[in-house]
């Protein structure tokens, strides 16, 4: 299997094992109800230490992990703070925060992510999954790391999450989406996504005709291009006849349209 090599990997490869276990210290005044470390928790602290503190009680019991790490755009001002026993990496601590001019910022990001991903893998249950949001800066390196930790065969997929609908004129290409990487602990054929139907809440959805099926949005029925079997006349209930717009065809054949209409 192809592996991702980055500066410092040999020093952080097993760093998650060297991180000491720290006890979770409850703050009753900041919680609701009786203190229960095996229930809902908000943990304030370094995420690597927090993950190691969760391990004794929650290893192999977490069904779903969602993480939103630094995208490493060079403008976030994140810092590499792991106390790794290596002169080279100790030198990194004096070069914080990690900015766009840092020639090692991608190596530092990988070195920061590696032990955290190793601990997250240990926390996942046998039917658990990990979801990670990223943009184009590090998504390819993240996939290589996750392939190595989970196994490339455990990649469920890479989801495009639309983050904007307006155009970005300052960029050569206008990025309209970020990525969500999805990996499962078991092999994909034995892992099933538990789907929930969500009512759409975005602008444009409404229910002016009080349809019992809920809110809806009107979208164009035409499609780009020309397909002869998708060019026909549609007659509305008021008798108005429509043809596809110039240079386009309808989004379905006439028999399929009649089924949809029915």
C-alpha atoms as a PDB file:
ATOM      1  CA  UNK A   1       0.000   0.000   0.000  1.00  0.00           C
ATOM      2  CA  UNK A   2       1.209   3.506  -0.810  1.00  0.00           C
ATOM      3  CA  UNK A   3       2.192   5.445   2.316  1.00  0.00           C
ATOM      4  CA  UNK A   4       2.348   9.174   2.974  1.00  0.00           C
ATOM      5  CA  UNK A   5       5.778  10.316   4.133  1.00  0.00           C
ATOM      6  CA  UNK A   6       6.137  13.653   5.918  1.00  0.00           C
ATOM      7  CA  UNK A   7       8.892  15.262   7.951  1.00  0.00           C
ATOM      8  CA  UNK A   8       8.677  14.039  11.537  1.00  0.00           C
ATOM      9  CA  UNK A   9       6.581  10.949  10.853  1.00  0.00           C
ATOM     10  CA  UNK A  10       9.113   8.635  12.477  1.00  0.00           C
ATOM     11  CA  UNK A  11       8.863  10.677  15.680  1.00  0.00           C
ATOM     12  CA  UNK A  12       5.037  10.859  15.878  1.00  0.00           C
ATOM     13  CA  UNK A  13       4.231   7.391  14.520  1.00  0.00           C
ATOM     14  CA  UNK A  14       3.733   5.979  18.031  1.00  0.00           C
ATOM     15  CA  UNK A  15       3.459   9.264  19.918  1.00  0.00           C
ATOM     16  CA  UNK A  16      -0.136   8.481  20.945  1.00  0.00           C
ATOM     17  CA  UNK A  17       1.272   5.644  23.082  1.00  0.00           C
ATOM     18  CA  UNK A  18       3.672   7.995  24.895  1.00  0.00           C
ATOM     19  CA  UNK A  19       1.010  10.586  25.756  1.00  0.00           C
ATOM     20  CA  UNK A  20       0.249  10.113  29.483  1.00  0.00           C
ATOM     21  CA  UNK A  21      -3.253   9.294  30.660  1.00  0.00           C
ATOM     22  CA  UNK A  22      -4.768  12.319  32.374  1.00  0.00           C
ATOM     23  CA  UNK A  23      -7.846  12.118  34.600  1.00  0.00           C
ATOM     24  CA  UNK A  24     -10.892  14.129  33.616  1.00  0.00           C
ATOM     25  CA  UNK A  25     -11.594  16.754  36.289  1.00  0.00           C
ATOM     26  CA  UNK A  26     -15.326  17.556  36.587  1.00  0.00           C
ATOM     27  CA  UNK A  27     -16.499  21.127  37.152  1.00  0.00           C
ATOM     28  CA  UNK A  28     -19.913  20.740  38.733  1.00  0.00           C
ATOM     29  CA  UNK A  29     -20.786  24.435  38.374  1.00  0.00           C
ATOM     30  CA  UNK A  30     -20.329  24.231  34.600  1.00  0.00           C
ATOM     31  CA  UNK A  31     -22.537  21.163  34.208  1.00  0.00           C
ATOM     32  CA  UNK A  32     -26.172  20.203  34.482  1.00  0.00           C
ATOM     33  CA  UNK A  33     -27.215  17.530  36.946  1.00  0.00           C
ATOM     34  CA  UNK A  34     -24.982  15.068  38.697  1.00  0.00           C
ATOM     35  CA  UNK A  35     -21.437  14.560  37.437  1.00  0.00           C
ATOM     36  CA  UNK A  36     -21.247  11.480  35.204  1.00  0.00           C
ATOM     37  CA  UNK A  37     -18.064  10.874  33.226  1.00  0.00           C
ATOM     38  CA  UNK A  38     -19.750   8.134  31.203  1.00  0.00           C
ATOM     39  CA  UNK A  39     -22.509  10.457  29.967  1.00  0.00           C
ATOM     40  CA  UNK A  40     -22.611  13.611  27.829  1.00  0.00           C
ATOM     41  CA  UNK A  41     -19.350  15.534  28.170  1.00  0.00           C
ATOM     42  CA  UNK A  42     -17.858  18.811  27.025  1.00  0.00           C
ATOM     43  CA  UNK A  43     -14.100  18.676  27.552  1.00  0.00           C
ATOM     44  CA  UNK A  44     -11.982  21.821  27.691  1.00  0.00           C
ATOM     45  CA  UNK A  45      -8.320  21.219  26.988  1.00  0.00           C
ATOM     46  CA  UNK A  46      -5.797  19.955  24.469  1.00  0.00           C
ATOM     47  CA  UNK A  47      -7.597  17.525  22.173  1.00  0.00           C
ATOM     48  CA  UNK A  48      -4.768  14.976  22.218  1.00  0.00           C
ATOM     49  CA  UNK A  49      -4.850  14.860  26.029  1.00  0.00           C
ATOM     50  CA  UNK A  50      -8.652  14.724  25.984  1.00  0.00           C
ATOM     51  CA  UNK A  51      -8.690  11.765  23.602  1.00  0.00           C
ATOM     52  CA  UNK A  52      -6.178   9.887  25.747  1.00  0.00           C
ATOM     53  CA  UNK A  53      -8.277  10.649  28.853  1.00  0.00           C
ATOM     54  CA  UNK A  54     -11.367   9.197  27.148  1.00  0.00           C
ATOM     55  CA  UNK A  55      -9.611   6.031  26.040  1.00  0.00           C
ATOM     56  CA  UNK A  56      -9.846   3.924  29.253  1.00  0.00           C
ATOM     57  CA  UNK A  57     -13.631   4.339  29.509  1.00  0.00           C
ATOM     58  CA  UNK A  58     -14.680   4.696  25.884  1.00  0.00           C
ATOM     59  CA  UNK A  59     -12.220   2.639  23.792  1.00  0.00           C
ATOM     60  CA  UNK A  60     -14.140   0.611  21.221  1.00  0.00           C
ATOM     61  CA  UNK A  61     -17.488   2.151  22.212  1.00  0.00           C
ATOM     62  CA  UNK A  62     -17.871   5.250  20.020  1.00  0.00           C
ATOM     63  CA  UNK A  63     -20.237   4.821  17.077  1.00  0.00           C
ATOM     64  CA  UNK A  64     -19.560   8.107  15.276  1.00  0.00           C
ATOM     65  CA  UNK A  65     -16.757  10.666  15.319  1.00  0.00           C
ATOM     66  CA  UNK A  66     -17.026  14.039  13.559  1.00  0.00           C
ATOM     67  CA  UNK A  67     -13.949  16.277  13.511  1.00  0.00           C
ATOM     68  CA  UNK A  68     -13.331  19.699  11.996  1.00  0.00           C
ATOM     69  CA  UNK A  69      -9.530  20.112  12.172  1.00  0.00           C
ATOM     70  CA  UNK A  70      -7.594  23.181  11.024  1.00  0.00           C
ATOM     71  CA  UNK A  71      -7.811  23.400   7.243  1.00  0.00           C
ATOM     72  CA  UNK A  72      -4.201  24.655   7.234  1.00  0.00           C
ATOM     73  CA  UNK A  73      -4.874  27.514   4.847  1.00  0.00           C
ATOM     74  CA  UNK A  74      -1.963  29.465   6.332  1.00  0.00           C
ATOM     75  CA  UNK A  75      -4.286  32.115   7.737  1.00  0.00           C
ATOM     76  CA  UNK A  76      -5.722  30.330  10.765  1.00  0.00           C
ATOM     77  CA  UNK A  77      -2.911  30.906  13.250  1.00  0.00           C
ATOM     78  CA  UNK A  78      -2.979  27.366  14.646  1.00  0.00           C
ATOM     79  CA  UNK A  79       0.030  26.133  16.622  1.00  0.00           C
ATOM     80  CA  UNK A  80       1.879  22.847  16.782  1.00  0.00           C
ATOM     81  CA  UNK A  81       2.150  22.097  20.516  1.00  0.00           C
ATOM     82  CA  UNK A  82       2.804  18.361  20.913  1.00  0.00           C
ATOM     83  CA  UNK A  83       5.658  17.536  23.271  1.00  0.00           C
ATOM     84  CA  UNK A  84       7.372  14.941  21.091  1.00  0.00           C
ATOM     85  CA  UNK A  85      10.797  13.679  22.142  1.00  0.00           C
ATOM     86  CA  UNK A  86      12.685  14.958  19.126  1.00  0.00           C
ATOM     87  CA  UNK A  87      15.005  17.992  18.840  1.00  0.00           C
ATOM     88  CA  UNK A  88      13.600  18.779  15.402  1.00  0.00           C
ATOM     89  CA  UNK A  89       9.991  18.816  16.568  1.00  0.00           C
ATOM     90  CA  UNK A  90      10.861  20.682  19.778  1.00  0.00           C
ATOM     91  CA  UNK A  91      12.266  23.361  17.488  1.00  0.00           C
ATOM     92  CA  UNK A  92       8.846  23.588  15.812  1.00  0.00           C
ATOM     93  CA  UNK A  93       7.383  24.799  19.115  1.00  0.00           C
ATOM     94  CA  UNK A  94       9.347  28.046  18.833  1.00  0.00           C
ATOM     95  CA  UNK A  95       8.051  28.745  15.320  1.00  0.00           C
ATOM     96  CA  UNK A  96       4.365  29.099  16.165  1.00  0.00           C
ATOM     97  CA  UNK A  97       1.829  29.977  14.945  1.00  0.00           C
ATOM     98  CA  UNK A  98       1.889  28.014  11.696  1.00  0.00           C
ATOM     99  CA  UNK A  99       1.472  30.576   8.909  1.00  0.00           C
ATOM    100  CA  UNK A 100       1.362  30.589   5.143  1.00  0.00           C
ATOM    101  CA  UNK A 101       5.104  31.354   4.898  1.00  0.00           C
ATOM    102  CA  UNK A 102       6.014  28.271   6.955  1.00  0.00           C
ATOM    103  CA  UNK A 103       7.635  25.848   4.505  1.00  0.00           C
ATOM    104  CA  UNK A 104       6.921  22.947   6.875  1.00  0.00           C
ATOM    105  CA  UNK A 105       3.286  23.749   7.559  1.00  0.00           C
ATOM    106  CA  UNK A 106       2.012  20.663   5.724  1.00  0.00           C
ATOM    107  CA  UNK A 107       4.472  18.412   7.564  1.00  0.00           C
ATOM    108  CA  UNK A 108       3.472  19.987  10.882  1.00  0.00           C
ATOM    109  CA  UNK A 109      -0.208  19.480  10.090  1.00  0.00           C
ATOM    110  CA  UNK A 110       0.353  15.800   9.314  1.00  0.00           C
ATOM    111  CA  UNK A 111       2.460  15.370  12.453  1.00  0.00           C
ATOM    112  CA  UNK A 112      -0.317  16.987  14.507  1.00  0.00           C
ATOM    113  CA  UNK A 113      -3.096  14.901  12.951  1.00  0.00           C
ATOM    114  CA  UNK A 114      -1.400  11.480  12.990  1.00  0.00           C
ATOM    115  CA  UNK A 115      -1.533  10.661  16.738  1.00  0.00           C
ATOM    116  CA  UNK A 116      -5.050  12.093  17.042  1.00  0.00           C
ATOM    117  CA  UNK A 117      -6.331   9.921  14.219  1.00  0.00           C
ATOM    118  CA  UNK A 118      -4.648   6.885  15.790  1.00  0.00           C
ATOM    119  CA  UNK A 119      -6.495   7.541  19.086  1.00  0.00           C
ATOM    120  CA  UNK A 120      -9.796   8.201  17.332  1.00  0.00           C
ATOM    121  CA  UNK A 121      -9.456   4.849  15.587  1.00  0.00           C
ATOM    122  CA  UNK A 122      -9.013   3.180  18.982  1.00  0.00           C
ATOM    123  CA  UNK A 123     -12.128   4.912  20.316  1.00  0.00           C
ATOM    124  CA  UNK A 124     -14.384   3.722  17.475  1.00  0.00           C
ATOM    125  CA  UNK A 125     -16.645   0.727  17.987  1.00  0.00           C
ATOM    126  CA  UNK A 126     -16.600  -2.216  15.604  1.00  0.00           C
ATOM    127  CA  UNK A 127     -19.410  -0.600  13.575  1.00  0.00           C
ATOM    128  CA  UNK A 128     -18.217   3.006  14.048  1.00  0.00           C
ATOM    129  CA  UNK A 129     -17.301   5.624  11.483  1.00  0.00           C
ATOM    130  CA  UNK A 130     -15.226   8.809  11.280  1.00  0.00           C
ATOM    131  CA  UNK A 131     -16.287  11.958   9.400  1.00  0.00           C
ATOM    132  CA  UNK A 132     -13.762  14.739   8.761  1.00  0.00           C
ATOM    133  CA  UNK A 133     -14.322  18.106   7.066  1.00  0.00           C
ATOM    134  CA  UNK A 134     -11.501  19.701   5.045  1.00  0.00           C
ATOM    135  CA  UNK A 135     -10.898  21.837   1.985  1.00  0.00           C
ATOM    136  CA  UNK A 136      -8.429  21.383  -0.878  1.00  0.00           C
ATOM    137  CA  UNK A 137      -5.377  22.348   1.224  1.00  0.00           C
ATOM    138  CA  UNK A 138      -5.022  19.024   3.077  1.00  0.00           C
ATOM    139  CA  UNK A 139      -7.770  16.658   1.941  1.00  0.00           C
ATOM    140  CA  UNK A 140      -5.417  14.565  -0.223  1.00  0.00           C
ATOM    141  CA  UNK A 141      -2.907  14.173   2.606  1.00  0.00           C
ATOM    142  CA  UNK A 142      -5.709  13.344   5.045  1.00  0.00           C
ATOM    143  CA  UNK A 143      -6.956  10.588   2.754  1.00  0.00           C
ATOM    144  CA  UNK A 144      -3.476   9.071   2.583  1.00  0.00           C
ATOM    145  CA  UNK A 145      -3.190   9.073   6.383  1.00  0.00           C
ATOM    146  CA  UNK A 146      -6.658   7.618   6.856  1.00  0.00           C
ATOM    147  CA  UNK A 147      -5.942   4.952   4.230  1.00  0.00           C
ATOM    148  CA  UNK A 148      -2.890   3.937   6.236  1.00  0.00           C
ATOM    149  CA  UNK A 149      -4.673   3.945   9.616  1.00  0.00           C
ATOM    150  CA  UNK A 150      -8.072   2.506   8.640  1.00  0.00           C
ATOM    151  CA  UNK A 151      -7.100   0.716   5.436  1.00  0.00           C
ATOM    152  CA  UNK A 152      -7.942   2.114   2.012  1.00  0.00           C
ATOM    153  CA  UNK A 153     -10.700  -0.484   1.684  1.00  0.00           C
ATOM    154  CA  UNK A 154     -12.513   1.185   4.618  1.00  0.00           C
ATOM    155  CA  UNK A 155     -13.011   4.484   2.798  1.00  0.00           C
ATOM    156  CA  UNK A 156     -16.766   4.910   2.451  1.00  0.00           C
ATOM    157  CA  UNK A 157     -16.430   7.974   0.288  1.00  0.00           C
ATOM    158  CA  UNK A 158     -15.617  11.654  -0.117  1.00  0.00           C
ATOM    159  CA  UNK A 159     -18.685  13.873   0.116  1.00  0.00           C
ATOM    160  CA  UNK A 160     -18.875  17.321  -1.459  1.00  0.00           C
ATOM    161  CA  UNK A 161     -20.398  19.821   0.976  1.00  0.00           C
ATOM    162  CA  UNK A 162     -21.588  23.003  -0.742  1.00  0.00           C
ATOM    163  CA  UNK A 163     -20.346  25.930   1.325  1.00  0.00           C
ATOM    164  CA  UNK A 164     -21.342  28.813  -0.937  1.00  0.00           C
ATOM    165  CA  UNK A 165     -23.606  29.625  -3.852  1.00  0.00           C
ATOM    166  CA  UNK A 166     -22.062  32.970  -4.805  1.00  0.00           C
ATOM    167  CA  UNK A 167     -19.012  33.354  -7.038  1.00  0.00           C
ATOM    168  CA  UNK A 168     -15.530  34.048  -5.636  1.00  0.00           C
ATOM    169  CA  UNK A 169     -13.957  36.554  -8.032  1.00  0.00           C
ATOM    170  CA  UNK A 170     -10.602  36.730  -6.227  1.00  0.00           C
ATOM    171  CA  UNK A 171      -9.710  33.105  -6.987  1.00  0.00           C
ATOM    172  CA  UNK A 172      -8.678  31.556 -10.298  1.00  0.00           C
ATOM    173  CA  UNK A 173     -11.273  28.869  -9.700  1.00  0.00           C
ATOM    174  CA  UNK A 174     -14.272  29.702  -7.548  1.00  0.00           C
ATOM    175  CA  UNK A 175     -14.388  27.033  -4.800  1.00  0.00           C
ATOM    176  CA  UNK A 176     -17.985  26.311  -3.924  1.00  0.00           C
ATOM    177  CA  UNK A 177     -17.602  23.189  -1.807  1.00  0.00           C
ATOM    178  CA  UNK A 178     -15.493  21.580   0.903  1.00  0.00           C
ATOM    179  CA  UNK A 179     -14.971  17.858   1.510  1.00  0.00           C
ATOM    180  CA  UNK A 180     -16.225  15.384   4.093  1.00  0.00           C
ATOM    181  CA  UNK A 181     -14.110  12.226   4.320  1.00  0.00           C
ATOM    182  CA  UNK A 182     -15.995   9.186   5.625  1.00  0.00           C
ATOM    183  CA  UNK A 183     -14.187   6.070   6.895  1.00  0.00           C
ATOM    184  CA  UNK A 184     -15.672   3.055   8.656  1.00  0.00           C
ATOM    185  CA  UNK A 185     -14.038   0.802  11.229  1.00  0.00           C
ATOM    186  CA  UNK A 186     -15.358  -2.372   9.549  1.00  0.00           C
ATOM    187  CA  UNK A 187     -15.301  -3.099   5.842  1.00  0.00           C
ATOM    188  CA  UNK A 188     -17.881  -1.055   3.906  1.00  0.00           C
ATOM    189  CA  UNK A 189     -19.962  -4.106   2.963  1.00  0.00           C
ATOM    190  CA  UNK A 190     -20.624  -4.775   6.660  1.00  0.00           C
ATOM    191  CA  UNK A 191     -21.131  -1.105   7.603  1.00  0.00           C
ATOM    192  CA  UNK A 192     -24.496   0.520   7.028  1.00  0.00           C
ATOM    193  CA  UNK A 193     -25.171   4.241   7.232  1.00  0.00           C
ATOM    194  CA  UNK A 194     -28.173   4.873   9.459  1.00  0.00           C
ATOM    195  CA  UNK A 195     -30.009   7.392   7.352  1.00  0.00           C
ATOM    196  CA  UNK A 196     -32.390   9.975   8.768  1.00  0.00           C
ATOM    197  CA  UNK A 197     -34.760  11.896   6.519  1.00  0.00           C
ATOM    198  CA  UNK A 198     -34.333  15.594   7.233  1.00  0.00           C
ATOM    199  CA  UNK A 199     -36.836  18.240   6.262  1.00  0.00           C
ATOM    200  CA  UNK A 200     -35.118  20.828   4.063  1.00  0.00           C
ATOM    201  CA  UNK A 201     -34.680  24.130   5.851  1.00  0.00           C
ATOM    202  CA  UNK A 202     -32.762  26.079   3.213  1.00  0.00           C
ATOM    203  CA  UNK A 203     -34.107  29.254   1.647  1.00  0.00           C
ATOM    204  CA  UNK A 204     -36.480  28.573  -1.216  1.00  0.00           C
ATOM    205  CA  UNK A 205     -38.449  25.767   0.456  1.00  0.00           C
ATOM    206  CA  UNK A 206     -42.016  26.552   1.465  1.00  0.00           C
ATOM    207  CA  UNK A 207     -45.513  25.101   1.290  1.00  0.00           C
ATOM    208  CA  UNK A 208     -47.823  27.733  -0.233  1.00  0.00           C
ATOM    209  CA  UNK A 209     -50.381  25.101  -1.354  1.00  0.00           C
ATOM    210  CA  UNK A 210     -50.344  23.303   2.026  1.00  0.00           C
ATOM    211  CA  UNK A 211     -49.174  20.037   0.456  1.00  0.00           C
ATOM    212  CA  UNK A 212     -49.569  17.294   3.086  1.00  0.00           C
ATOM    213  CA  UNK A 213     -46.115  15.956   2.145  1.00  0.00           C
ATOM    214  CA  UNK A 214     -44.447  19.087   3.533  1.00  0.00           C
ATOM    215  CA  UNK A 215     -42.301  21.908   2.198  1.00  0.00           C
ATOM    216  CA  UNK A 216     -41.127  21.914  -1.400  1.00  0.00           C
ATOM    217  CA  UNK A 217     -39.138  23.988  -3.896  1.00  0.00           C
ATOM    218  CA  UNK A 218     -39.713  24.618  -7.584  1.00  0.00           C
ATOM    219  CA  UNK A 219     -36.773  23.643  -9.822  1.00  0.00           C
ATOM    220  CA  UNK A 220     -36.360  23.801 -13.629  1.00  0.00           C
ATOM    221  CA  UNK A 221     -37.535  20.714 -15.526  1.00  0.00           C
ATOM    222  CA  UNK A 222     -35.192  21.322 -18.476  1.00  0.00           C
ATOM    223  CA  UNK A 223     -31.733  19.829 -18.974  1.00  0.00           C
ATOM    224  CA  UNK A 224     -28.651  20.986 -20.856  1.00  0.00           C
ATOM    225  CA  UNK A 225     -28.108  19.554 -24.320  1.00  0.00           C
ATOM    226  CA  UNK A 226     -30.358  17.936 -26.933  1.00  0.00           C
ATOM    227  CA  UNK A 227     -31.897  14.484 -26.671  1.00  0.00           C
ATOM    228  CA  UNK A 228     -34.551  13.835 -29.304  1.00  0.00           C
ATOM    229  CA  UNK A 229     -36.696  11.639 -27.037  1.00  0.00           C
ATOM    230  CA  UNK A 230     -36.748  14.418 -24.441  1.00  0.00           C
ATOM    231  CA  UNK A 231     -38.155  17.073 -26.750  1.00  0.00           C
ATOM    232  CA  UNK A 232     -41.972  17.222 -26.760  1.00  0.00           C
ATOM    233  CA  UNK A 233     -44.821  19.588 -25.947  1.00  0.00           C
ATOM    234  CA  UNK A 234     -46.010  19.991 -22.363  1.00  0.00           C
ATOM    235  CA  UNK A 235     -49.525  21.315 -21.911  1.00  0.00           C
ATOM    236  CA  UNK A 236     -50.331  22.955 -18.575  1.00  0.00           C
ATOM    237  CA  UNK A 237     -53.704  22.555 -16.805  1.00  0.00           C
ATOM    238  CA  UNK A 238     -54.672  26.002 -18.179  1.00  0.00           C
ATOM    239  CA  UNK A 239     -53.998  24.886 -21.753  1.00  0.00           C
ATOM    240  CA  UNK A 240     -50.699  26.717 -22.270  1.00  0.00           C
ATOM    241  CA  UNK A 241     -48.224  24.730 -24.371  1.00  0.00           C
ATOM    242  CA  UNK A 242     -44.497  24.729 -23.601  1.00  0.00           C
ATOM    243  CA  UNK A 243     -41.410  23.605 -25.533  1.00  0.00           C
ATOM    244  CA  UNK A 244     -37.955  23.207 -23.933  1.00  0.00           C
ATOM    245  CA  UNK A 245     -35.854  26.401 -23.842  1.00  0.00           C
ATOM    246  CA  UNK A 246     -33.544  26.919 -26.810  1.00  0.00           C
ATOM    247  CA  UNK A 247     -30.514  24.628 -26.655  1.00  0.00           C
ATOM    248  CA  UNK A 248     -32.058  22.438 -23.930  1.00  0.00           C
ATOM    249  CA  UNK A 249     -34.397  19.480 -23.620  1.00  0.00           C
ATOM    250  CA  UNK A 250     -36.787  18.314 -20.917  1.00  0.00           C
ATOM    251  CA  UNK A 251     -35.334  16.524 -17.904  1.00  0.00           C
ATOM    252  CA  UNK A 252     -37.178  13.266 -18.663  1.00  0.00           C
ATOM    253  CA  UNK A 253     -38.756  11.409 -21.555  1.00  0.00           C
ATOM    254  CA  UNK A 254     -42.469  11.983 -22.169  1.00  0.00           C
ATOM    255  CA  UNK A 255     -43.573   8.623 -20.643  1.00  0.00           C
ATOM    256  CA  UNK A 256     -41.488   9.366 -17.522  1.00  0.00           C
ATOM    257  CA  UNK A 257     -42.969  12.882 -17.374  1.00  0.00           C
ATOM    258  CA  UNK A 258     -46.495  11.461 -17.485  1.00  0.00           C
ATOM    259  CA  UNK A 259     -45.619   9.149 -14.581  1.00  0.00           C
ATOM    260  CA  UNK A 260     -44.244  12.083 -12.568  1.00  0.00           C
ATOM    261  CA  UNK A 261     -47.292  14.171 -13.351  1.00  0.00           C
ATOM    262  CA  UNK A 262     -49.626  11.370 -12.271  1.00  0.00           C
END
